[in-house]
């Protein structure tokens, strides 16, 4: 597992925690959707950068 894939996965999990927090605080849905899309993209980038795909 390379360093950049680790950073992407950790950033995606951090943003996913933010999505949960914002959902519990009843913040605007557009902000939650934007944050969840960013989280999904970071997680996908981290998983795709793993060495197992080569």
N, C-alpha and C. Protein backbone atom coordinates (compact mmCIF):
# COMPACT_ATOMS: atom_id res chain seq x y z
N UNK A 1 0.86 -1.18 0.00
CA UNK A 1 0.00 0.00 0.00
C UNK A 1 0.90 1.23 0.00
N UNK A 2 0.75 2.04 -1.00
CA UNK A 2 1.60 3.23 -1.10
C UNK A 2 1.09 4.35 -0.19
N UNK A 3 1.92 5.34 -0.02
CA UNK A 3 1.57 6.44 0.87
C UNK A 3 0.40 7.27 0.37
N UNK A 4 0.34 7.49 -0.93
CA UNK A 4 -0.73 8.32 -1.48
C UNK A 4 -2.08 7.63 -1.40
N UNK A 5 -2.10 6.32 -1.61
CA UNK A 5 -3.37 5.60 -1.48
C UNK A 5 -3.85 5.63 -0.04
N UNK A 6 -2.93 5.55 0.90
CA UNK A 6 -3.30 5.65 2.32
C UNK A 6 -3.88 7.00 2.65
N UNK A 7 -3.29 8.05 2.10
CA UNK A 7 -3.78 9.41 2.34
C UNK A 7 -5.19 9.57 1.77
N UNK A 8 -5.40 9.05 0.56
CA UNK A 8 -6.73 9.16 -0.06
C UNK A 8 -7.79 8.41 0.75
N UNK A 9 -7.45 7.21 1.21
CA UNK A 9 -8.41 6.42 1.98
C UNK A 9 -8.72 7.10 3.31
N UNK A 10 -7.69 7.59 4.00
CA UNK A 10 -7.92 8.27 5.28
C UNK A 10 -8.71 9.56 5.10
N UNK A 11 -8.42 10.30 4.04
CA UNK A 11 -9.18 11.52 3.76
C UNK A 11 -10.64 11.20 3.45
N UNK A 12 -10.87 10.13 2.70
CA UNK A 12 -12.24 9.72 2.40
C UNK A 12 -13.00 9.32 3.65
N UNK A 13 -12.33 8.62 4.57
CA UNK A 13 -12.99 8.23 5.82
C UNK A 13 -13.25 9.45 6.70
N UNK A 14 -12.31 10.41 6.69
CA UNK A 14 -12.51 11.64 7.45
C UNK A 14 -13.72 12.42 6.92
N UNK A 15 -13.83 12.53 5.62
CA UNK A 15 -14.97 13.21 5.02
C UNK A 15 -16.27 12.46 5.27
N UNK A 16 -16.20 11.13 5.30
CA UNK A 16 -17.38 10.34 5.61
C UNK A 16 -17.86 10.59 7.03
N UNK A 17 -16.93 10.77 7.95
CA UNK A 17 -17.29 11.16 9.31
C UNK A 17 -17.94 12.53 9.34
N UNK A 18 -17.48 13.44 8.49
CA UNK A 18 -18.09 14.75 8.38
C UNK A 18 -19.51 14.68 7.85
N UNK A 19 -19.74 13.76 6.90
CA UNK A 19 -21.09 13.57 6.37
C UNK A 19 -22.02 13.14 7.49
N UNK A 20 -21.58 12.18 8.29
CA UNK A 20 -22.40 11.71 9.41
C UNK A 20 -22.66 12.83 10.41
N UNK A 21 -21.64 13.61 10.71
CA UNK A 21 -21.79 14.71 11.65
C UNK A 21 -22.75 15.78 11.12
N UNK A 22 -22.60 16.12 9.85
CA UNK A 22 -23.48 17.13 9.27
C UNK A 22 -24.92 16.63 9.20
N UNK A 23 -25.10 15.32 8.95
CA UNK A 23 -26.44 14.74 8.91
C UNK A 23 -27.11 14.84 10.28
N UNK A 24 -26.33 14.56 11.34
CA UNK A 24 -26.88 14.63 12.69
C UNK A 24 -27.23 16.06 13.10
N UNK A 25 -26.51 17.05 12.53
CA UNK A 25 -26.75 18.45 12.86
C UNK A 25 -27.85 19.07 12.00
N UNK A 26 -28.44 18.31 11.11
CA UNK A 26 -29.52 18.78 10.24
C UNK A 26 -29.08 19.95 9.35
N UNK A 27 -27.86 19.91 8.85
CA UNK A 27 -27.37 20.95 7.94
C UNK A 27 -27.99 20.75 6.55
N UNK A 28 -27.85 21.73 5.66
CA UNK A 28 -28.49 21.64 4.34
C UNK A 28 -28.07 20.39 3.57
N UNK A 29 -29.03 19.80 2.87
CA UNK A 29 -28.79 18.55 2.14
C UNK A 29 -27.78 18.72 1.02
N UNK A 30 -27.73 19.89 0.41
CA UNK A 30 -26.77 20.09 -0.68
C UNK A 30 -25.34 20.01 -0.18
N UNK A 31 -25.09 20.50 1.02
CA UNK A 31 -23.76 20.43 1.61
C UNK A 31 -23.40 18.98 1.94
N UNK A 32 -24.36 18.22 2.42
CA UNK A 32 -24.13 16.82 2.74
C UNK A 32 -23.85 16.03 1.48
N UNK A 33 -24.59 16.31 0.40
CA UNK A 33 -24.37 15.61 -0.87
C UNK A 33 -22.99 15.94 -1.42
N UNK A 34 -22.60 17.19 -1.37
CA UNK A 34 -21.28 17.59 -1.87
C UNK A 34 -20.17 16.91 -1.08
N UNK A 35 -20.30 16.85 0.22
CA UNK A 35 -19.30 16.21 1.06
C UNK A 35 -19.26 14.70 0.83
N UNK A 36 -20.41 14.09 0.61
CA UNK A 36 -20.43 12.65 0.38
C UNK A 36 -19.84 12.29 -0.98
N UNK A 37 -20.04 13.15 -1.98
CA UNK A 37 -19.43 12.92 -3.29
C UNK A 37 -17.91 13.02 -3.18
N UNK A 38 -17.43 14.01 -2.46
CA UNK A 38 -15.98 14.15 -2.24
C UNK A 38 -15.41 12.95 -1.51
N UNK A 39 -16.14 12.47 -0.51
CA UNK A 39 -15.69 11.30 0.23
C UNK A 39 -15.63 10.07 -0.66
N UNK A 40 -16.65 9.88 -1.47
CA UNK A 40 -16.68 8.72 -2.36
C UNK A 40 -15.55 8.78 -3.38
N UNK A 41 -15.26 9.96 -3.90
CA UNK A 41 -14.18 10.10 -4.87
C UNK A 41 -12.82 9.83 -4.24
N UNK A 42 -12.61 10.31 -3.01
CA UNK A 42 -11.35 10.05 -2.32
C UNK A 42 -11.18 8.57 -2.02
N UNK A 43 -12.24 7.93 -1.57
CA UNK A 43 -12.16 6.50 -1.29
C UNK A 43 -11.90 5.70 -2.57
N UNK A 44 -12.58 6.07 -3.64
CA UNK A 44 -12.37 5.36 -4.91
C UNK A 44 -10.95 5.56 -5.43
N UNK A 45 -10.43 6.77 -5.31
CA UNK A 45 -9.07 7.03 -5.77
C UNK A 45 -8.06 6.25 -4.94
N UNK A 46 -8.30 6.17 -3.64
CA UNK A 46 -7.39 5.41 -2.78
C UNK A 46 -7.42 3.94 -3.08
N UNK A 47 -8.61 3.39 -3.32
CA UNK A 47 -8.72 1.96 -3.62
C UNK A 47 -8.12 1.65 -4.98
N UNK A 48 -8.35 2.51 -5.95
CA UNK A 48 -7.82 2.26 -7.29
C UNK A 48 -6.30 2.40 -7.36
N UNK A 49 -5.71 3.15 -6.42
CA UNK A 49 -4.25 3.30 -6.41
C UNK A 49 -3.55 2.15 -5.68
N UNK A 50 -4.30 1.23 -5.10
CA UNK A 50 -3.68 0.10 -4.42
C UNK A 50 -2.90 -0.76 -5.43
N UNK A 51 -1.90 -1.42 -4.93
CA UNK A 51 -1.03 -2.21 -5.80
C UNK A 51 -1.67 -3.50 -6.30
N UNK A 52 -2.79 -3.92 -5.70
CA UNK A 52 -3.38 -5.20 -6.06
C UNK A 52 -3.99 -5.19 -7.46
N UNK A 53 -4.24 -4.04 -8.05
CA UNK A 53 -4.85 -3.97 -9.38
C UNK A 53 -3.86 -4.17 -10.50
N UNK A 54 -2.57 -4.12 -10.19
CA UNK A 54 -1.54 -4.25 -11.25
C UNK A 54 -1.17 -5.69 -11.48
